[in-house]
Amino acid sequence: MGVPAPMKVISASKSNSTTSGKLIKLKNISLMMAKLTLCALSLVCVLAFASAQSAIVTSTYHLYQPEQHNWDLLAVSAYCATWDANQPLSWRSKYGWTAFCGPVGPQGEAACGKCLRVTNTRTGAQQIARIVDQCNNGGLDLDVSVFQSLDSDGSGNAEGHLIVHYDFVDCAD
């Protein structure tokens, strides 16, 4: 009778060792899943932030008339001329111009040279515009030619403004 008792103790000891090993593996798997979940959550946040670079705002128009000024940012006293006046003509003339003071997106120098897809919320008309200036109306101050192309039903001209949706987009320069 004395012999089986030590066998049970040894057997129990092996069982505890195996159980401890399984617990360690489970803890490692749980830790790995927690890290994976955190990474996935971080990715979702980054994507949400990237897609949040848009807003619906009021847009007025400004008489930059870049075609008449040879697309010269200095000639129209654009805020961004300090940084972008020496860009090649092809860059300055690729898109119509806008001043930007929207509630969402970079401000000041950080906004200069960026592009917006601007959509008239009433008609769906769209244009790409390059940010060359600042404004203080809480939205956009589009060059008159961009404003007119978006104002496909004439309501913007009649009301003195458009309600537009803007998205920051790649300028593809």
N, C-alpha and C. Protein backbone atom coordinates (compact mmCIF):
# COMPACT_ATOMS: atom_id res chain seq x y z
N MET A 1 0.80 -1.19 0.00
CA MET A 1 0.00 0.00 0.00
C MET A 1 0.84 1.25 0.00
N GLY A 2 2.00 1.23 0.50
CA GLY A 2 2.86 2.40 0.57
C GLY A 2 3.40 2.80 -0.78
N VAL A 3 3.52 1.91 -1.74
CA VAL A 3 4.11 2.21 -3.05
C VAL A 3 3.19 3.06 -3.91
N PRO A 4 1.90 2.81 -3.99
CA PRO A 4 1.06 3.61 -4.87
C PRO A 4 0.97 5.08 -4.47
N ALA A 5 1.06 5.40 -3.20
CA ALA A 5 0.94 6.79 -2.78
C ALA A 5 1.99 7.69 -3.41
N PRO A 6 3.30 7.31 -3.41
CA PRO A 6 4.28 8.16 -4.06
C PRO A 6 4.02 8.30 -5.56
N MET A 7 3.48 7.25 -6.20
CA MET A 7 3.18 7.33 -7.63
C MET A 7 2.12 8.40 -7.88
N LYS A 8 1.14 8.46 -6.99
CA LYS A 8 0.10 9.47 -7.16
C LYS A 8 0.68 10.87 -6.99
N VAL A 9 1.59 11.04 -6.07
CA VAL A 9 2.21 12.34 -5.86
C VAL A 9 3.03 12.73 -7.08
N ILE A 10 3.81 11.81 -7.61
CA ILE A 10 4.61 12.07 -8.81
C ILE A 10 3.68 12.38 -9.98
N SER A 11 2.63 11.61 -10.11
CA SER A 11 1.66 11.80 -11.17
C SER A 11 0.99 13.17 -11.04
N ALA A 12 0.63 13.54 -9.82
CA ALA A 12 0.02 14.85 -9.59
C ALA A 12 1.01 15.96 -9.91
N SER A 13 2.27 15.75 -9.59
CA SER A 13 3.30 16.73 -9.87
C SER A 13 3.45 16.93 -11.36
N LYS A 14 3.44 15.86 -12.14
CA LYS A 14 3.52 15.97 -13.60
C LYS A 14 2.28 16.67 -14.14
N SER A 15 1.14 16.37 -13.56
CA SER A 15 -0.11 16.99 -13.99
C SER A 15 -0.08 18.49 -13.74
N ASN A 16 0.42 18.92 -12.58
CA ASN A 16 0.53 20.35 -12.27
C ASN A 16 1.49 21.04 -13.22
N SER A 17 2.57 20.38 -13.57
CA SER A 17 3.54 20.93 -14.51
C SER A 17 2.90 21.12 -15.88
N THR A 18 2.14 20.15 -16.32
CA THR A 18 1.46 20.23 -17.61
C THR A 18 0.41 21.33 -17.58
N THR A 19 -0.33 21.42 -16.50
CA THR A 19 -1.34 22.46 -16.35
C THR A 19 -0.70 23.84 -16.36
N SER A 20 0.42 24.00 -15.68
CA SER A 20 1.13 25.29 -15.67
C SER A 20 1.58 25.66 -17.07
N GLY A 21 2.07 24.69 -17.82
CA GLY A 21 2.50 24.95 -19.20
C GLY A 21 1.34 25.40 -20.07
N LYS A 22 0.18 24.76 -19.88
CA LYS A 22 -1.01 25.14 -20.65
C LYS A 22 -1.47 26.54 -20.26
N LEU A 23 -1.40 26.87 -18.98
CA LEU A 23 -1.79 28.20 -18.53
C LEU A 23 -0.87 29.27 -19.11
N ILE A 24 0.42 28.99 -19.16
CA ILE A 24 1.37 29.94 -19.74
C ILE A 24 1.06 30.15 -21.22
N LYS A 25 0.76 29.07 -21.94
CA LYS A 25 0.41 29.18 -23.36
C LYS A 25 -0.87 29.99 -23.53
N LEU A 26 -1.86 29.75 -22.69
CA LEU A 26 -3.11 30.51 -22.76
C LEU A 26 -2.87 31.99 -22.47
N LYS A 27 -2.03 32.29 -21.50
CA LYS A 27 -1.71 33.69 -21.19
C LYS A 27 -1.01 34.35 -22.37
N ASN A 28 -0.09 33.63 -23.01
CA ASN A 28 0.62 34.17 -24.18
C ASN A 28 -0.35 34.42 -25.33
N ILE A 29 -1.28 33.48 -25.54
CA ILE A 29 -2.28 33.65 -26.60
C ILE A 29 -3.17 34.85 -26.27
N SER A 30 -3.59 34.98 -25.02
CA SER A 30 -4.42 36.11 -24.62
C SER A 30 -3.69 37.43 -24.82
N LEU A 31 -2.43 37.47 -24.46
CA LEU A 31 -1.62 38.68 -24.64
C LEU A 31 -1.49 39.01 -26.13
N MET A 32 -1.26 37.99 -26.94
CA MET A 32 -1.13 38.20 -28.38
C MET A 32 -2.46 38.72 -28.96
N MET A 33 -3.58 38.17 -28.52
CA MET A 33 -4.89 38.62 -29.00
C MET A 33 -5.15 40.07 -28.57
N ALA A 34 -4.75 40.41 -27.36
CA ALA A 34 -4.92 41.78 -26.88
C ALA A 34 -4.11 42.75 -27.74
N LYS A 35 -2.88 42.37 -28.07
CA LYS A 35 -2.04 43.23 -28.92
C LYS A 35 -2.64 43.36 -30.31
N LEU A 36 -3.13 42.26 -30.86
CA LEU A 36 -3.75 42.27 -32.18
C LEU A 36 -5.00 43.16 -32.18
N THR A 37 -5.79 43.05 -31.14
CA THR A 37 -6.99 43.88 -31.02
C THR A 37 -6.61 45.36 -30.93
N LEU A 38 -5.58 45.67 -30.17
CA LEU A 38 -5.11 47.05 -30.04
C LEU A 38 -4.62 47.59 -31.38
N CYS A 39 -3.89 46.78 -32.13
CA CYS A 39 -3.42 47.19 -33.46
C CYS A 39 -4.60 47.45 -34.39
N ALA A 40 -5.58 46.55 -34.38
CA ALA A 40 -6.76 46.72 -35.23
C ALA A 40 -7.52 47.99 -34.85
N LEU A 41 -7.66 48.24 -33.58
CA LEU A 41 -8.34 49.44 -33.11
C LEU A 41 -7.58 50.70 -33.52
N SER A 42 -6.27 50.66 -33.44
CA SER A 42 -5.44 51.79 -33.87
C SER A 42 -5.63 52.06 -35.35
N LEU A 43 -5.67 51.01 -36.16
CA LEU A 43 -5.87 51.16 -37.60
C LEU A 43 -7.22 51.79 -37.89
N VAL A 44 -8.25 51.36 -37.20
CA VAL A 44 -9.58 51.93 -37.38
C VAL A 44 -9.56 53.42 -37.04
N CYS A 45 -8.88 53.78 -35.96
CA CYS A 45 -8.79 55.20 -35.57
C CYS A 45 -8.06 56.03 -36.62
N VAL A 46 -6.97 55.50 -37.16
CA VAL A 46 -6.22 56.21 -38.19
C VAL A 46 -7.09 56.40 -39.43
N LEU A 47 -7.79 55.36 -39.84
CA LEU A 47 -8.66 55.47 -41.01
C LEU A 47 -9.80 56.44 -40.76
N ALA A 48 -10.35 56.43 -39.57
CA ALA A 48 -11.42 57.37 -39.24
C ALA A 48 -10.91 58.80 -39.28
N PHE A 49 -9.70 59.03 -38.76
CA PHE A 49 -9.12 60.37 -38.80
C PHE A 49 -8.88 60.81 -40.24
N ALA A 50 -8.34 59.90 -41.05
CA ALA A 50 -8.07 60.24 -42.45
C ALA A 50 -9.35 60.58 -43.19
N SER A 51 -10.40 59.82 -42.95
CA SER A 51 -11.64 60.08 -43.64
C SER A 51 -12.37 61.29 -43.05
N ALA A 52 -11.97 61.73 -41.89
CA ALA A 52 -12.62 62.86 -41.25
C ALA A 52 -12.10 64.19 -41.77
N GLN A 53 -11.25 64.21 -42.77
CA GLN A 53 -10.71 65.44 -43.33
C GLN A 53 -11.69 66.03 -44.34
N SER A 54 -12.93 66.18 -43.93
CA SER A 54 -13.96 66.74 -44.80
C SER A 54 -15.01 67.43 -43.95
N ALA A 55 -15.77 68.30 -44.60
CA ALA A 55 -16.83 69.02 -43.88
C ALA A 55 -17.78 69.64 -44.89
N ILE A 56 -18.93 70.04 -44.41
CA ILE A 56 -19.89 70.81 -45.21
C ILE A 56 -19.82 72.25 -44.70
N VAL A 57 -19.58 73.18 -45.63
CA VAL A 57 -19.37 74.59 -45.27
C VAL A 57 -20.03 75.51 -46.28
N THR A 58 -20.06 76.78 -45.94
CA THR A 58 -20.49 77.82 -46.87
C THR A 58 -19.29 78.26 -47.69
N SER A 59 -19.53 78.45 -48.99
CA SER A 59 -18.47 78.93 -49.87
C SER A 59 -18.91 80.21 -50.55
N THR A 60 -18.02 81.18 -50.52
CA THR A 60 -18.22 82.42 -51.26
C THR A 60 -17.23 82.41 -52.42
N TYR A 61 -17.16 83.52 -53.16
CA TYR A 61 -16.17 83.57 -54.24
C TYR A 61 -15.28 84.80 -54.10
N HIS A 62 -14.11 84.67 -54.70
CA HIS A 62 -13.08 85.71 -54.65
C HIS A 62 -12.58 85.93 -56.07
N LEU A 63 -12.22 87.13 -56.40
CA LEU A 63 -11.75 87.44 -57.76
C LEU A 63 -10.23 87.30 -57.87
N TYR A 64 -9.73 86.07 -57.68
CA TYR A 64 -8.29 85.84 -57.90
C TYR A 64 -7.98 86.00 -59.39
N GLN A 65 -8.82 85.46 -60.23
CA GLN A 65 -8.65 85.47 -61.68
C GLN A 65 -7.21 85.12 -62.07
N PRO A 66 -6.74 83.94 -61.69
CA PRO A 66 -5.35 83.57 -61.93
C PRO A 66 -4.94 83.60 -63.40
N GLU A 67 -5.88 83.32 -64.29
CA GLU A 67 -5.56 83.35 -65.73
C GLU A 67 -5.11 84.74 -66.15
N GLN A 68 -5.73 85.78 -65.58
CA GLN A 68 -5.39 87.16 -65.93
C GLN A 68 -4.11 87.63 -65.24
N HIS A 69 -3.65 86.88 -64.25
CA HIS A 69 -2.44 87.25 -63.50
C HIS A 69 -1.32 86.24 -63.72
N ASN A 70 -1.40 85.51 -64.82
CA ASN A 70 -0.40 84.51 -65.18
C ASN A 70 -0.14 83.52 -64.03
N TRP A 71 -1.19 83.20 -63.30
CA TRP A 71 -1.12 82.22 -62.19
C TRP A 71 -0.04 82.61 -61.17
N ASP A 72 0.11 83.91 -60.97
CA ASP A 72 1.13 84.44 -60.07
C ASP A 72 0.53 84.69 -58.69
N LEU A 73 0.93 83.89 -57.72
CA LEU A 73 0.40 84.01 -56.36
C LEU A 73 0.77 85.34 -55.71
N LEU A 74 1.94 85.88 -56.05
CA LEU A 74 2.35 87.17 -55.50
C LEU A 74 1.47 88.30 -56.03
N ALA A 75 1.09 88.21 -57.30
CA ALA A 75 0.28 89.27 -57.92
C ALA A 75 -1.10 89.38 -57.29
N VAL A 76 -1.60 88.29 -56.73
CA VAL A 76 -2.93 88.33 -56.11
C VAL A 76 -2.84 88.39 -54.59
N SER A 77 -1.63 88.56 -54.08
CA SER A 77 -1.39 88.65 -52.63
C SER A 77 -1.93 87.45 -51.85
N ALA A 78 -1.75 86.26 -52.41
CA ALA A 78 -2.21 85.05 -51.74
C ALA A 78 -1.30 84.73 -50.55
N TYR A 79 -1.89 84.34 -49.45
CA TYR A 79 -1.15 83.99 -48.24
C TYR A 79 -0.07 82.95 -48.52
N CYS A 80 -0.38 81.97 -49.33
CA CYS A 80 0.55 80.86 -49.58
C CYS A 80 1.69 81.22 -50.54
N ALA A 81 1.70 82.44 -51.06
CA ALA A 81 2.77 82.86 -51.97
C ALA A 81 4.13 82.72 -51.31
N THR A 82 4.20 82.95 -50.02
CA THR A 82 5.46 82.84 -49.27
C THR A 82 6.12 81.49 -49.52
N TRP A 83 5.31 80.43 -49.61
CA TRP A 83 5.85 79.07 -49.76
C TRP A 83 5.71 78.51 -51.16
N ASP A 84 4.70 78.98 -51.91
CA ASP A 84 4.38 78.33 -53.18
C ASP A 84 4.56 79.19 -54.43
N ALA A 85 4.98 80.44 -54.29
CA ALA A 85 5.10 81.32 -55.46
C ALA A 85 6.09 80.80 -56.48
N ASN A 86 7.10 80.06 -56.04
CA ASN A 86 8.12 79.56 -56.97
C ASN A 86 7.81 78.17 -57.53
N GLN A 87 6.63 77.66 -57.24
CA GLN A 87 6.23 76.39 -57.85
C GLN A 87 6.12 76.61 -59.36
N PRO A 88 6.36 75.58 -60.16
CA PRO A 88 6.27 75.76 -61.61
C PRO A 88 4.85 76.14 -62.05
N LEU A 89 4.76 76.80 -63.18
CA LEU A 89 3.47 77.21 -63.73
C LEU A 89 2.52 76.02 -63.84
N SER A 90 3.04 74.87 -64.24
CA SER A 90 2.19 73.68 -64.38
C SER A 90 1.54 73.31 -63.05
N TRP A 91 2.23 73.50 -61.96
CA TRP A 91 1.69 73.22 -60.62
C TRP A 91 0.65 74.27 -60.24
N ARG A 92 0.99 75.55 -60.46
CA ARG A 92 0.10 76.65 -60.06
C ARG A 92 -1.19 76.68 -60.89
N SER A 93 -1.12 76.19 -62.12
CA SER A 93 -2.28 76.28 -63.02
C SER A 93 -3.04 74.97 -63.17
N LYS A 94 -2.62 73.95 -62.46
CA LYS A 94 -3.27 72.63 -62.61
C LYS A 94 -4.72 72.65 -62.14
N TYR A 95 -5.01 73.39 -61.09
CA TYR A 95 -6.36 73.46 -60.52
C TYR A 95 -6.75 74.91 -60.26
N GLY A 96 -8.05 75.14 -60.15
CA GLY A 96 -8.53 76.44 -59.72
C GLY A 96 -8.10 76.68 -58.28
N TRP A 97 -8.19 77.93 -57.85
CA TRP A 97 -7.68 78.31 -56.54
C TRP A 97 -8.80 78.50 -55.52
N THR A 98 -8.42 78.36 -54.27
CA THR A 98 -9.35 78.65 -53.18
C THR A 98 -8.59 79.13 -51.95
N ALA A 99 -9.28 79.92 -51.17
CA ALA A 99 -8.83 80.23 -49.81
C ALA A 99 -9.52 79.20 -48.92
N PHE A 100 -8.83 78.79 -47.88
CA PHE A 100 -9.37 77.75 -46.99
C PHE A 100 -9.38 78.24 -45.55
N CYS A 101 -10.52 78.10 -44.91
CA CYS A 101 -10.64 78.35 -43.47
C CYS A 101 -11.72 77.44 -42.90
N GLY A 102 -11.75 76.23 -43.44
CA GLY A 102 -12.74 75.25 -43.01
C GLY A 102 -12.49 74.77 -41.59
N PRO A 103 -13.49 74.17 -40.98
CA PRO A 103 -13.38 73.71 -39.60
C PRO A 103 -12.57 72.42 -39.44
N VAL A 104 -12.36 71.70 -40.53
CA VAL A 104 -11.66 70.42 -40.47
C VAL A 104 -10.52 70.41 -41.47
N GLY A 105 -9.33 70.10 -40.99
CA GLY A 105 -8.16 70.02 -41.86
C GLY A 105 -7.07 70.95 -41.38
N PRO A 106 -5.93 70.90 -42.07
CA PRO A 106 -4.80 71.74 -41.67
C PRO A 106 -5.13 73.22 -41.86
N GLN A 107 -4.44 74.06 -41.13
CA GLN A 107 -4.66 75.50 -41.20
C GLN A 107 -3.33 76.19 -41.51
N GLY A 108 -3.42 77.43 -41.98
CA GLY A 108 -2.22 78.22 -42.23
C GLY A 108 -1.30 77.58 -43.24
N GLU A 109 0.00 77.69 -42.99
CA GLU A 109 1.01 77.18 -43.92
C GLU A 109 0.79 75.70 -44.22
N ALA A 110 0.35 74.92 -43.24
CA ALA A 110 0.15 73.48 -43.43
C ALA A 110 -0.92 73.17 -44.48
N ALA A 111 -1.83 74.10 -44.74
CA ALA A 111 -2.87 73.89 -45.74
C ALA A 111 -2.41 74.27 -47.14
N CYS A 112 -1.41 75.12 -47.23
CA CYS A 112 -0.96 75.64 -48.53
C CYS A 112 -0.58 74.53 -49.50
N GLY A 113 -1.11 74.64 -50.71
CA GLY A 113 -0.77 73.69 -51.77
C GLY A 113 -1.59 72.42 -51.76
N LYS A 114 -2.36 72.19 -50.72
CA LYS A 114 -3.18 70.98 -50.66
C LYS A 114 -4.39 71.15 -51.58
N CYS A 115 -4.98 70.02 -51.94
CA CYS A 115 -6.12 70.05 -52.85
C CYS A 115 -7.39 69.56 -52.17
N LEU A 116 -8.49 70.14 -52.60
CA LEU A 116 -9.81 69.78 -52.10
C LEU A 116 -10.70 69.36 -53.25
N ARG A 117 -11.47 68.32 -53.04
CA ARG A 117 -12.57 68.02 -53.96
C ARG A 117 -13.77 68.73 -53.36
N VAL A 118 -14.30 69.70 -54.10
CA VAL A 118 -15.40 70.52 -53.61
C VAL A 118 -16.66 70.11 -54.37
N THR A 119 -17.71 69.81 -53.62
CA THR A 119 -18.97 69.35 -54.21
C THR A 119 -20.10 70.26 -53.78
N ASN A 120 -20.85 70.76 -54.76
CA ASN A 120 -22.05 71.54 -54.48
C ASN A 120 -23.08 70.56 -53.91
N THR A 121 -23.50 70.76 -52.67
CA THR A 121 -24.42 69.80 -52.04
C THR A 121 -25.80 69.81 -52.68
N ARG A 122 -26.14 70.88 -53.37
CA ARG A 122 -27.46 70.99 -54.00
C ARG A 122 -27.51 70.26 -55.34
N THR A 123 -26.44 70.39 -56.14
CA THR A 123 -26.47 69.84 -57.51
C THR A 123 -25.54 68.65 -57.71
N GLY A 124 -24.57 68.48 -56.83
CA GLY A 124 -23.60 67.39 -57.00
C GLY A 124 -22.42 67.76 -57.90
N ALA A 125 -22.41 68.97 -58.46
CA ALA A 125 -21.28 69.40 -59.31
C ALA A 125 -20.01 69.40 -58.48
N GLN A 126 -18.89 68.95 -59.10
CA GLN A 126 -17.62 68.82 -58.37
C GLN A 126 -16.49 69.51 -59.12
N GLN A 127 -15.53 70.00 -58.35
CA GLN A 127 -14.29 70.56 -58.88
C GLN A 127 -13.17 70.28 -57.88
N ILE A 128 -11.95 70.17 -58.40
CA ILE A 128 -10.77 70.11 -57.53
C ILE A 128 -10.22 71.54 -57.46
N ALA A 129 -9.88 71.98 -56.27
CA ALA A 129 -9.30 73.32 -56.09
C ALA A 129 -8.07 73.20 -55.21
N ARG A 130 -7.07 74.05 -55.52
CA ARG A 130 -5.84 74.07 -54.73
C ARG A 130 -5.90 75.22 -53.73
N ILE A 131 -5.50 74.94 -52.50
CA ILE A 131 -5.49 75.97 -51.45
C ILE A 131 -4.28 76.88 -51.66
N VAL A 132 -4.56 78.18 -51.85
CA VAL A 132 -3.50 79.17 -52.06
C VAL A 132 -3.60 80.34 -51.09
N ASP A 133 -4.65 80.35 -50.27
CA ASP A 133 -4.90 81.52 -49.44
C ASP A 133 -5.67 81.12 -48.18
N GLN A 134 -5.77 82.06 -47.25
CA GLN A 134 -6.58 81.89 -46.04
C GLN A 134 -7.83 82.76 -46.19
N CYS A 135 -8.82 82.46 -45.38
CA CYS A 135 -10.02 83.29 -45.36
C CYS A 135 -10.53 83.34 -43.92
N ASN A 136 -11.65 84.00 -43.73
CA ASN A 136 -12.19 84.07 -42.37
C ASN A 136 -13.69 83.86 -42.34
N ASN A 137 -14.23 83.19 -43.37
CA ASN A 137 -15.67 82.95 -43.40
C ASN A 137 -16.07 81.58 -42.86
N GLY A 138 -15.09 80.83 -42.37
CA GLY A 138 -15.40 79.52 -41.80
C GLY A 138 -15.59 78.42 -42.82
N GLY A 139 -15.25 78.69 -44.06
CA GLY A 139 -15.43 77.69 -45.12
C GLY A 139 -14.40 77.84 -46.21
N LEU A 140 -14.88 78.14 -47.42
CA LEU A 140 -14.02 78.31 -48.58
C LEU A 140 -14.34 79.63 -49.25
N ASP A 141 -13.33 80.22 -49.86
CA ASP A 141 -13.50 81.41 -50.69
C ASP A 141 -12.90 81.04 -52.04
N LEU A 142 -13.73 80.47 -52.90
CA LEU A 142 -13.29 79.92 -54.18
C LEU A 142 -13.03 81.01 -55.20
N ASP A 143 -12.06 80.77 -56.09
CA ASP A 143 -11.92 81.66 -57.24
C ASP A 143 -13.25 81.67 -57.98
N VAL A 144 -13.60 82.81 -58.55
CA VAL A 144 -14.90 82.96 -59.19
C VAL A 144 -15.13 81.90 -60.27
N SER A 145 -14.10 81.48 -61.00
CA SER A 145 -14.30 80.47 -62.05
C SER A 145 -14.66 79.11 -61.46
N VAL A 146 -14.07 78.75 -60.34
CA VAL A 146 -14.41 77.49 -59.66
C VAL A 146 -15.83 77.59 -59.10
N PHE A 147 -16.14 78.72 -58.49
CA PHE A 147 -17.48 78.94 -57.94
C PHE A 147 -18.53 78.79 -59.03
N GLN A 148 -18.29 79.44 -60.18
CA GLN A 148 -19.27 79.40 -61.27
C GLN A 148 -19.44 77.99 -61.83
N SER A 149 -18.35 77.23 -61.91
CA SER A 149 -18.48 75.87 -62.44
C SER A 149 -19.26 74.97 -61.46
N LEU A 150 -19.16 75.24 -60.17
CA LEU A 150 -19.93 74.48 -59.19
C LEU A 150 -21.39 74.94 -59.13
N ASP A 151 -21.62 76.19 -59.46
CA ASP A 151 -22.96 76.78 -59.38
C ASP A 151 -23.76 76.45 -60.64
N SER A 152 -23.96 75.17 -60.88
CA SER A 152 -24.57 74.72 -62.14
C SER A 152 -26.05 75.08 -62.28
N ASP A 153 -26.72 75.44 -61.20
CA ASP A 153 -28.13 75.84 -61.31
C ASP A 153 -28.35 77.34 -61.03
N GLY A 154 -27.27 78.09 -60.80
CA GLY A 154 -27.37 79.53 -60.59
C GLY A 154 -27.81 79.96 -59.20
N SER A 155 -28.10 79.01 -58.32
CA SER A 155 -28.58 79.39 -56.99
C SER A 155 -27.49 80.04 -56.14
N GLY A 156 -26.24 79.65 -56.34
CA GLY A 156 -25.14 80.26 -55.59
C GLY A 156 -24.97 81.72 -55.93
N ASN A 157 -25.09 82.04 -57.21
CA ASN A 157 -24.99 83.43 -57.64
C ASN A 157 -26.16 84.23 -57.06
N ALA A 158 -27.34 83.65 -57.10
CA ALA A 158 -28.54 84.33 -56.60
C ALA A 158 -28.46 84.56 -55.09
N GLU A 159 -27.94 83.59 -54.35
CA GLU A 159 -27.88 83.68 -52.89
C GLU A 159 -26.58 84.28 -52.37
N GLY A 160 -25.56 84.39 -53.24
CA GLY A 160 -24.28 84.94 -52.83
C GLY A 160 -23.34 83.93 -52.19
N HIS A 161 -23.74 82.68 -52.14
CA HIS A 161 -22.89 81.63 -51.58
C HIS A 161 -23.42 80.25 -52.01
N LEU A 162 -22.59 79.26 -51.85
CA LEU A 162 -22.97 77.86 -52.06
C LEU A 162 -22.75 77.10 -50.76
N ILE A 163 -23.50 76.06 -50.57
CA ILE A 163 -23.21 75.11 -49.50
C ILE A 163 -22.47 73.96 -50.19
N VAL A 164 -21.25 73.72 -49.74
CA VAL A 164 -20.40 72.72 -50.39
C VAL A 164 -19.86 71.72 -49.37
N HIS A 165 -19.50 70.58 -49.88
CA HIS A 165 -18.81 69.56 -49.10
C HIS A 165 -17.39 69.52 -49.64
N TYR A 166 -16.40 69.54 -48.76
CA TYR A 166 -15.02 69.41 -49.24
C TYR A 166 -14.37 68.18 -48.63
N ASP A 167 -13.49 67.59 -49.42
CA ASP A 167 -12.65 66.47 -48.99
C ASP A 167 -11.23 66.81 -49.39
N PHE A 168 -10.27 66.59 -48.51
CA PHE A 168 -8.88 66.71 -48.90
C PHE A 168 -8.54 65.52 -49.79
N VAL A 169 -7.92 65.80 -50.93
CA VAL A 169 -7.56 64.75 -51.88
C VAL A 169 -6.11 64.93 -52.31
N ASP A 170 -5.56 63.89 -52.89
CA ASP A 170 -4.20 63.93 -53.43
C ASP A 170 -4.20 64.82 -54.67
N CYS A 171 -3.28 65.75 -54.75
CA CYS A 171 -3.19 66.65 -55.91
C CYS A 171 -2.61 65.95 -57.13
N ALA A 172 -1.99 64.80 -56.93
CA ALA A 172 -1.37 64.05 -58.03
C ALA A 172 -0.34 64.90 -58.77
N ASP A 173 0.47 65.63 -58.03
CA ASP A 173 1.51 66.47 -58.65
C ASP A 173 2.73 65.64 -58.99
